[in-house]
N, C-alpha and C. Protein backbone atom coordinates (compact mmCIF):
# COMPACT_ATOMS: atom_id res chain seq x y z
N MET A 1 0.83 -1.18 0.00
CA MET A 1 0.00 0.00 0.00
C MET A 1 0.88 1.24 0.00
N GLN A 2 0.30 2.31 -0.44
CA GLN A 2 1.01 3.58 -0.50
C GLN A 2 0.29 4.60 0.38
N CYS A 3 1.06 5.30 1.19
CA CYS A 3 0.49 6.33 2.06
C CYS A 3 0.08 7.52 1.19
N PRO A 4 -1.18 7.97 1.31
CA PRO A 4 -1.62 9.10 0.49
C PRO A 4 -0.98 10.42 0.87
N ARG A 5 -0.46 10.53 2.09
CA ARG A 5 0.13 11.79 2.55
C ARG A 5 1.58 11.93 2.11
N CYS A 6 2.40 10.87 2.28
CA CYS A 6 3.83 10.98 1.97
C CYS A 6 4.24 10.15 0.75
N SER A 7 3.34 9.36 0.21
CA SER A 7 3.55 8.55 -0.99
C SER A 7 4.61 7.47 -0.83
N GLU A 8 4.85 7.01 0.40
CA GLU A 8 5.80 5.93 0.63
C GLU A 8 5.07 4.60 0.69
N GLU A 9 5.76 3.55 0.27
CA GLU A 9 5.20 2.21 0.33
C GLU A 9 5.25 1.70 1.77
N VAL A 10 4.10 1.24 2.30
CA VAL A 10 4.02 0.71 3.66
C VAL A 10 3.20 -0.57 3.64
N ASP A 11 3.37 -1.36 4.71
CA ASP A 11 2.62 -2.60 4.82
C ASP A 11 1.19 -2.36 5.33
N GLU A 12 1.06 -1.33 6.19
CA GLU A 12 -0.22 -1.12 6.85
C GLU A 12 -0.49 0.37 7.03
N LEU A 13 -1.73 0.76 6.84
CA LEU A 13 -2.16 2.15 7.07
C LEU A 13 -2.97 2.21 8.37
N GLN A 14 -2.80 3.28 9.12
CA GLN A 14 -3.54 3.47 10.35
C GLN A 14 -4.54 4.58 10.17
N THR A 15 -5.65 4.50 10.89
CA THR A 15 -6.69 5.52 10.81
C THR A 15 -6.55 6.47 11.99
N ILE A 16 -6.61 7.77 11.71
CA ILE A 16 -6.48 8.80 12.74
C ILE A 16 -7.46 9.91 12.43
N ASN A 17 -7.96 10.57 13.49
CA ASN A 17 -8.81 11.75 13.32
C ASN A 17 -7.91 12.97 13.36
N ALA A 18 -7.87 13.72 12.28
CA ALA A 18 -7.06 14.93 12.20
C ALA A 18 -7.87 15.99 11.47
N ASP A 19 -7.88 17.17 12.02
CA ASP A 19 -8.64 18.29 11.43
C ASP A 19 -10.13 17.96 11.31
N GLY A 20 -10.63 17.14 12.21
CA GLY A 20 -12.04 16.78 12.20
C GLY A 20 -12.41 15.76 11.14
N LYS A 21 -11.42 15.15 10.52
CA LYS A 21 -11.66 14.16 9.47
C LYS A 21 -10.87 12.90 9.78
N ARG A 22 -11.39 11.76 9.35
CA ARG A 22 -10.67 10.51 9.51
C ARG A 22 -9.73 10.34 8.32
N LYS A 23 -8.48 10.03 8.62
CA LYS A 23 -7.48 9.85 7.57
C LYS A 23 -6.75 8.53 7.78
N ARG A 24 -6.44 7.88 6.68
CA ARG A 24 -5.65 6.65 6.72
C ARG A 24 -4.25 6.99 6.22
N VAL A 25 -3.28 6.90 7.13
CA VAL A 25 -1.91 7.26 6.81
C VAL A 25 -0.95 6.25 7.43
N CYS A 26 0.33 6.36 7.08
CA CYS A 26 1.35 5.46 7.62
C CYS A 26 1.70 5.87 9.05
N GLU A 27 2.47 5.03 9.73
CA GLU A 27 2.82 5.26 11.14
C GLU A 27 3.62 6.54 11.33
N ASP A 28 4.51 6.86 10.41
CA ASP A 28 5.30 8.09 10.52
C ASP A 28 4.40 9.33 10.42
N CYS A 29 3.46 9.30 9.51
CA CYS A 29 2.55 10.44 9.33
C CYS A 29 1.61 10.59 10.52
N VAL A 30 1.26 9.48 11.19
CA VAL A 30 0.41 9.55 12.38
C VAL A 30 1.10 10.41 13.43
N GLY A 31 2.38 10.15 13.66
CA GLY A 31 3.14 10.94 14.64
C GLY A 31 3.20 12.40 14.27
N GLN A 32 3.42 12.69 13.01
CA GLN A 32 3.49 14.07 12.55
C GLN A 32 2.15 14.78 12.72
N LEU A 33 1.05 14.10 12.37
CA LEU A 33 -0.28 14.71 12.50
C LEU A 33 -0.64 14.96 13.96
N GLN A 34 -0.28 14.02 14.84
CA GLN A 34 -0.56 14.21 16.27
C GLN A 34 0.24 15.38 16.82
N GLU A 35 1.49 15.50 16.40
CA GLU A 35 2.33 16.62 16.84
C GLU A 35 1.75 17.95 16.38
N GLN A 36 1.32 18.02 15.12
CA GLN A 36 0.73 19.24 14.60
C GLN A 36 -0.55 19.60 15.35
N ASP A 37 -1.34 18.59 15.72
CA ASP A 37 -2.58 18.81 16.44
C ASP A 37 -2.29 19.36 17.84
N GLU A 38 -1.26 18.83 18.51
CA GLU A 38 -0.89 19.32 19.84
C GLU A 38 -0.41 20.77 19.76
N ILE A 39 0.36 21.10 18.74
CA ILE A 39 0.85 22.47 18.56
C ILE A 39 -0.32 23.42 18.32
N ALA A 40 -1.28 23.01 17.51
CA ALA A 40 -2.44 23.85 17.23
C ALA A 40 -3.27 24.06 18.49
N ASP A 41 -3.44 23.02 19.31
CA ASP A 41 -4.18 23.17 20.56
C ASP A 41 -3.48 24.13 21.51
N ALA A 42 -2.16 24.02 21.60
CA ALA A 42 -1.38 24.91 22.47
C ALA A 42 -1.48 26.35 21.99
N ALA A 43 -1.44 26.56 20.69
CA ALA A 43 -1.54 27.90 20.14
C ALA A 43 -2.92 28.50 20.42
N THR A 44 -3.96 27.71 20.28
CA THR A 44 -5.31 28.18 20.56
C THR A 44 -5.46 28.53 22.03
N SER A 45 -4.92 27.69 22.88
CA SER A 45 -4.98 27.94 24.32
C SER A 45 -4.24 29.22 24.69
N ALA A 46 -3.07 29.43 24.10
CA ALA A 46 -2.30 30.64 24.37
C ALA A 46 -3.04 31.88 23.89
N MET A 47 -3.66 31.80 22.73
CA MET A 47 -4.40 32.94 22.19
C MET A 47 -5.59 33.27 23.09
N LYS A 48 -6.31 32.25 23.55
CA LYS A 48 -7.44 32.49 24.44
C LYS A 48 -6.97 33.10 25.75
N GLY A 49 -5.81 32.68 26.23
CA GLY A 49 -5.25 33.24 27.45
C GLY A 49 -4.89 34.70 27.28
N MET A 50 -4.30 35.05 26.16
CA MET A 50 -3.93 36.45 25.91
C MET A 50 -5.17 37.34 25.79
N MET A 51 -6.22 36.79 25.25
CA MET A 51 -7.44 37.57 25.06
C MET A 51 -8.35 37.50 26.28
N GLU A 52 -7.90 36.82 27.32
CA GLU A 52 -8.67 36.65 28.56
C GLU A 52 -10.04 36.05 28.27
N TYR A 53 -10.07 35.02 27.44
CA TYR A 53 -11.29 34.35 27.04
C TYR A 53 -11.87 33.59 28.23
N LYS A 54 -13.11 33.84 28.57
CA LYS A 54 -13.74 33.19 29.70
C LYS A 54 -14.70 32.09 29.28
N GLY A 55 -14.97 32.00 28.01
CA GLY A 55 -15.89 30.97 27.51
C GLY A 55 -17.32 31.47 27.45
N GLY A 56 -18.05 30.91 26.54
CA GLY A 56 -19.46 31.26 26.40
C GLY A 56 -19.68 32.64 25.79
N ARG A 57 -20.94 32.96 25.59
CA ARG A 57 -21.31 34.27 25.02
C ARG A 57 -22.07 35.06 26.07
N ARG A 58 -22.04 36.34 25.94
CA ARG A 58 -22.78 37.21 26.86
C ARG A 58 -23.85 37.95 26.13
């Protein structure tokens, strides 16, 4: 099989939820996607902290 993200030949593809979508990628790409997701969550959290976001609408 070929990974659709990196185009490398692999024996097995894994399914992961990334960007709100299910994707089938190789093991290396799974790690990269998880890392990118953690970075995006940290950035969102930092931005909400700077803006003193309390949650909800008023």
